[in-house]
N, C-alpha and C. Protein backbone atom coordinates (compact mmCIF):
# COMPACT_ATOMS: atom_id res chain seq x y z
N MET A 1 0.84 -1.18 0.00
CA MET A 1 0.00 0.00 0.00
C MET A 1 0.89 1.24 0.00
N MET A 2 0.52 2.20 -0.79
CA MET A 2 1.24 3.47 -0.87
C MET A 2 0.38 4.57 -0.28
N ASN A 3 1.00 5.71 -0.09
CA ASN A 3 0.24 6.88 0.34
C ASN A 3 0.66 8.09 -0.50
N ALA A 4 -0.14 9.12 -0.45
CA ALA A 4 0.08 10.31 -1.27
C ALA A 4 1.42 10.97 -0.95
N ASP A 5 1.85 10.90 0.30
CA ASP A 5 3.13 11.49 0.67
C ASP A 5 4.29 10.82 -0.07
N GLN A 6 4.23 9.49 -0.20
CA GLN A 6 5.28 8.78 -0.93
C GLN A 6 5.34 9.24 -2.39
N VAL A 7 4.19 9.38 -3.00
CA VAL A 7 4.14 9.81 -4.40
C VAL A 7 4.71 11.23 -4.51
N GLN A 8 4.37 12.09 -3.59
CA GLN A 8 4.90 13.46 -3.61
C GLN A 8 6.41 13.48 -3.41
N ARG A 9 6.93 12.60 -2.55
CA ARG A 9 8.38 12.53 -2.34
C ARG A 9 9.09 12.01 -3.58
N VAL A 10 8.50 11.03 -4.26
CA VAL A 10 9.08 10.54 -5.52
C VAL A 10 9.07 11.65 -6.55
N ASP A 11 7.97 12.37 -6.67
CA ASP A 11 7.87 13.49 -7.60
C ASP A 11 8.95 14.52 -7.31
N ALA A 12 9.11 14.90 -6.05
CA ALA A 12 10.12 15.89 -5.67
C ALA A 12 11.53 15.38 -6.00
N TRP A 13 11.78 14.10 -5.73
CA TRP A 13 13.09 13.52 -6.03
C TRP A 13 13.38 13.58 -7.53
N LEU A 14 12.39 13.20 -8.34
CA LEU A 14 12.57 13.22 -9.79
C LEU A 14 12.81 14.63 -10.31
N LEU A 15 12.11 15.60 -9.78
CA LEU A 15 12.31 16.98 -10.20
C LEU A 15 13.69 17.48 -9.80
N GLU A 16 14.12 17.13 -8.60
CA GLU A 16 15.43 17.56 -8.11
C GLU A 16 16.58 16.91 -8.89
N HIS A 17 16.38 15.69 -9.34
CA HIS A 17 17.43 14.94 -10.03
C HIS A 17 17.16 14.78 -11.53
N ALA A 18 16.44 15.71 -12.11
CA ALA A 18 16.05 15.61 -13.52
C ALA A 18 17.24 15.44 -14.46
N ALA A 19 18.36 16.05 -14.15
CA ALA A 19 19.53 15.98 -15.03
C ALA A 19 20.43 14.78 -14.72
N MET A 20 20.09 14.02 -13.71
CA MET A 20 20.91 12.86 -13.32
C MET A 20 20.92 11.85 -14.46
N PRO A 21 22.11 11.38 -14.89
CA PRO A 21 22.17 10.46 -16.03
C PRO A 21 21.56 9.08 -15.76
N ASN A 22 21.66 8.57 -14.58
CA ASN A 22 21.14 7.24 -14.27
C ASN A 22 20.13 7.33 -13.14
N LYS A 23 19.09 8.12 -13.37
CA LYS A 23 18.13 8.37 -12.28
C LYS A 23 17.32 7.14 -11.88
N GLU A 24 17.20 6.15 -12.77
CA GLU A 24 16.47 4.93 -12.41
C GLU A 24 17.14 4.25 -11.21
N THR A 25 18.45 4.11 -11.27
CA THR A 25 19.20 3.48 -10.18
C THR A 25 19.12 4.33 -8.91
N GLY A 26 19.25 5.63 -9.07
CA GLY A 26 19.18 6.54 -7.92
C GLY A 26 17.81 6.53 -7.27
N LEU A 27 16.77 6.50 -8.06
CA LEU A 27 15.41 6.48 -7.53
C LEU A 27 15.15 5.19 -6.77
N ARG A 28 15.58 4.08 -7.34
CA ARG A 28 15.40 2.79 -6.65
C ARG A 28 16.18 2.75 -5.34
N ALA A 29 17.35 3.36 -5.30
CA ALA A 29 18.14 3.40 -4.07
C ALA A 29 17.48 4.31 -3.03
N ALA A 30 16.87 5.39 -3.48
CA ALA A 30 16.23 6.33 -2.57
C ALA A 30 14.92 5.80 -2.00
N PHE A 31 14.25 4.93 -2.76
CA PHE A 31 12.96 4.37 -2.35
C PHE A 31 12.96 2.85 -2.54
N PRO A 32 13.76 2.13 -1.76
CA PRO A 32 13.91 0.68 -1.97
C PRO A 32 12.65 -0.14 -1.70
N ASP A 33 11.69 0.43 -1.01
CA ASP A 33 10.47 -0.30 -0.69
C ASP A 33 9.41 -0.21 -1.79
N LEU A 34 9.68 0.57 -2.84
CA LEU A 34 8.72 0.74 -3.93
C LEU A 34 9.22 0.09 -5.21
N HIS A 35 8.27 -0.38 -6.02
CA HIS A 35 8.58 -0.93 -7.34
C HIS A 35 8.45 0.19 -8.36
N PHE A 36 9.41 0.30 -9.27
CA PHE A 36 9.36 1.32 -10.33
C PHE A 36 9.49 0.66 -11.69
N THR A 37 8.73 1.18 -12.64
CA THR A 37 8.85 0.83 -14.04
C THR A 37 9.03 2.15 -14.78
N PHE A 38 9.91 2.15 -15.76
CA PHE A 38 10.21 3.37 -16.51
C PHE A 38 9.88 3.15 -17.97
N CYS A 39 9.22 4.14 -18.58
CA CYS A 39 8.87 4.04 -19.99
C CYS A 39 8.55 5.43 -20.52
N ASP A 40 8.20 5.48 -21.78
CA ASP A 40 7.73 6.71 -22.40
C ASP A 40 6.22 6.79 -22.18
N ASP A 41 5.71 7.98 -21.96
CA ASP A 41 4.28 8.13 -21.69
C ASP A 41 3.42 7.65 -22.86
N ALA A 42 3.94 7.73 -24.06
CA ALA A 42 3.18 7.27 -25.23
C ALA A 42 2.96 5.75 -25.19
N ASP A 43 3.75 5.04 -24.39
CA ASP A 43 3.61 3.59 -24.28
C ASP A 43 2.59 3.16 -23.23
N VAL A 44 2.07 4.12 -22.46
CA VAL A 44 1.09 3.81 -21.42
C VAL A 44 -0.30 3.94 -22.01
N LEU A 45 -1.08 2.88 -21.92
CA LEU A 45 -2.42 2.87 -22.50
C LEU A 45 -3.46 3.30 -21.47
N SER A 46 -3.26 4.50 -20.93
CA SER A 46 -4.18 5.02 -19.94
C SER A 46 -4.07 6.53 -19.90
N ASP A 47 -5.18 7.17 -19.63
CA ASP A 47 -5.20 8.62 -19.44
C ASP A 47 -5.28 8.96 -17.95
N ASP A 48 -5.16 7.94 -17.09
CA ASP A 48 -5.36 8.12 -15.65
C ASP A 48 -4.05 8.25 -14.88
N ALA A 49 -3.22 9.22 -15.28
CA ALA A 49 -2.00 9.47 -14.50
C ALA A 49 -2.41 9.92 -13.11
N PHE A 50 -1.76 9.35 -12.11
CA PHE A 50 -2.05 9.77 -10.73
C PHE A 50 -1.51 11.16 -10.49
N LEU A 51 -0.37 11.47 -11.12
CA LEU A 51 0.25 12.78 -10.94
C LEU A 51 0.96 13.15 -12.23
N ALA A 52 0.67 14.32 -12.75
CA ALA A 52 1.36 14.85 -13.92
C ALA A 52 2.36 15.88 -13.43
N SER A 53 3.60 15.75 -13.85
CA SER A 53 4.64 16.65 -13.39
C SER A 53 5.44 17.13 -14.59
N ALA A 54 6.45 17.93 -14.35
CA ALA A 54 7.26 18.49 -15.43
C ALA A 54 8.09 17.40 -16.10
N GLY A 55 7.70 17.00 -17.29
CA GLY A 55 8.46 16.04 -18.06
C GLY A 55 8.09 14.59 -17.86
N PHE A 56 7.17 14.30 -16.96
CA PHE A 56 6.78 12.90 -16.73
C PHE A 56 5.41 12.83 -16.08
N ASN A 57 4.79 11.66 -16.21
CA ASN A 57 3.57 11.32 -15.49
C ASN A 57 3.88 10.17 -14.56
N LEU A 58 3.21 10.12 -13.43
CA LEU A 58 3.33 8.99 -12.52
C LEU A 58 2.00 8.23 -12.49
N TYR A 59 2.09 6.93 -12.74
CA TYR A 59 0.94 6.04 -12.71
C TYR A 59 1.13 5.05 -11.57
N LEU A 60 0.06 4.69 -10.90
CA LEU A 60 0.13 3.72 -9.81
C LEU A 60 0.07 2.30 -10.35
N ILE A 61 0.87 1.42 -9.75
CA ILE A 61 0.89 0.00 -10.12
C ILE A 61 0.22 -0.82 -9.03
N ASP A 62 -0.67 -1.71 -9.44
CA ASP A 62 -1.31 -2.67 -8.54
C ASP A 62 -0.72 -4.05 -8.86
N ALA A 63 -0.03 -4.63 -7.89
CA ALA A 63 0.58 -5.95 -8.09
C ALA A 63 -0.10 -7.00 -7.22
N SER A 64 -1.34 -6.75 -6.82
CA SER A 64 -2.02 -7.67 -5.90
C SER A 64 -2.53 -8.94 -6.56
N SER A 65 -2.63 -8.93 -7.88
CA SER A 65 -3.09 -10.14 -8.56
C SER A 65 -1.94 -10.72 -9.38
N HIS A 66 -2.23 -11.70 -10.18
CA HIS A 66 -1.21 -12.41 -10.95
C HIS A 66 -0.42 -11.46 -11.87
N CYS A 67 -1.09 -10.55 -12.52
CA CYS A 67 -0.46 -9.62 -13.45
C CYS A 67 -0.47 -8.20 -12.90
N LEU A 68 0.56 -7.44 -13.23
CA LEU A 68 0.58 -6.03 -12.85
C LEU A 68 -0.49 -5.30 -13.66
N GLN A 69 -1.08 -4.28 -13.01
CA GLN A 69 -2.04 -3.45 -13.72
C GLN A 69 -1.97 -2.04 -13.15
N LEU A 70 -2.44 -1.08 -13.92
CA LEU A 70 -2.51 0.29 -13.43
C LEU A 70 -3.76 0.46 -12.59
N THR A 71 -3.66 1.37 -11.64
CA THR A 71 -4.80 1.66 -10.77
C THR A 71 -4.78 3.14 -10.43
N VAL A 72 -5.86 3.64 -9.90
CA VAL A 72 -5.91 4.99 -9.35
C VAL A 72 -6.13 4.93 -7.85
N ASP A 73 -6.10 3.72 -7.30
CA ASP A 73 -6.38 3.48 -5.88
C ASP A 73 -5.08 3.30 -5.09
N LEU A 74 -4.72 4.29 -4.29
CA LEU A 74 -3.51 4.20 -3.47
C LEU A 74 -3.53 3.01 -2.52
N ALA A 75 -4.71 2.59 -2.10
CA ALA A 75 -4.82 1.50 -1.12
C ALA A 75 -4.29 0.17 -1.66
N VAL A 76 -4.27 0.00 -2.98
CA VAL A 76 -3.77 -1.25 -3.56
C VAL A 76 -2.46 -1.06 -4.32
N ALA A 77 -1.98 0.17 -4.41
CA ALA A 77 -0.77 0.45 -5.17
C ALA A 77 0.48 0.01 -4.42
N SER A 78 1.42 -0.56 -5.17
CA SER A 78 2.69 -0.98 -4.58
C SER A 78 3.88 -0.38 -5.30
N GLY A 79 3.63 0.39 -6.34
CA GLY A 79 4.73 0.99 -7.07
C GLY A 79 4.23 1.99 -8.08
N LEU A 80 5.18 2.49 -8.88
CA LEU A 80 4.87 3.55 -9.82
C LEU A 80 5.48 3.29 -11.18
N VAL A 81 4.75 3.70 -12.21
CA VAL A 81 5.30 3.81 -13.54
C VAL A 81 5.73 5.27 -13.69
N VAL A 82 6.99 5.47 -14.01
CA VAL A 82 7.51 6.79 -14.30
C VAL A 82 7.56 6.89 -15.82
N ALA A 83 6.62 7.64 -16.37
CA ALA A 83 6.45 7.72 -17.82
C ALA A 83 6.90 9.10 -18.31
N SER A 84 8.04 9.12 -18.98
CA SER A 84 8.57 10.39 -19.45
C SER A 84 7.76 10.89 -20.64
N ARG A 85 7.64 12.19 -20.72
CA ARG A 85 6.94 12.78 -21.85
C ARG A 85 7.68 14.03 -22.28
N GLU A 86 7.56 14.32 -23.54
CA GLU A 86 8.21 15.51 -24.09
C GLU A 86 7.32 16.70 -23.84
N GLU A 87 7.94 17.75 -23.37
CA GLU A 87 7.21 19.00 -23.14
C GLU A 87 7.14 19.78 -24.45
N ASN A 88 5.99 20.33 -24.76
CA ASN A 88 5.84 21.12 -25.98
C ASN A 88 6.05 22.58 -25.69
């Protein structure tokens, strides 16, 4: 289970380390209790980003069943998809 504070801390970390060359490794080290998946936002088949930020969207991951799925429910979320997007 995740909470809104965790998502906000991940968002703040990503914004602070935007120029970091290997931010995936750094993010996982900073938040070892969370699962992260990284992709391009165009690869996410959902319009339900939990949080839209500068240069990326954060989607919640539900791993409670056999397959991972996206959710908007923090009570079942165990991780985040960090989906980068190009700013226009």
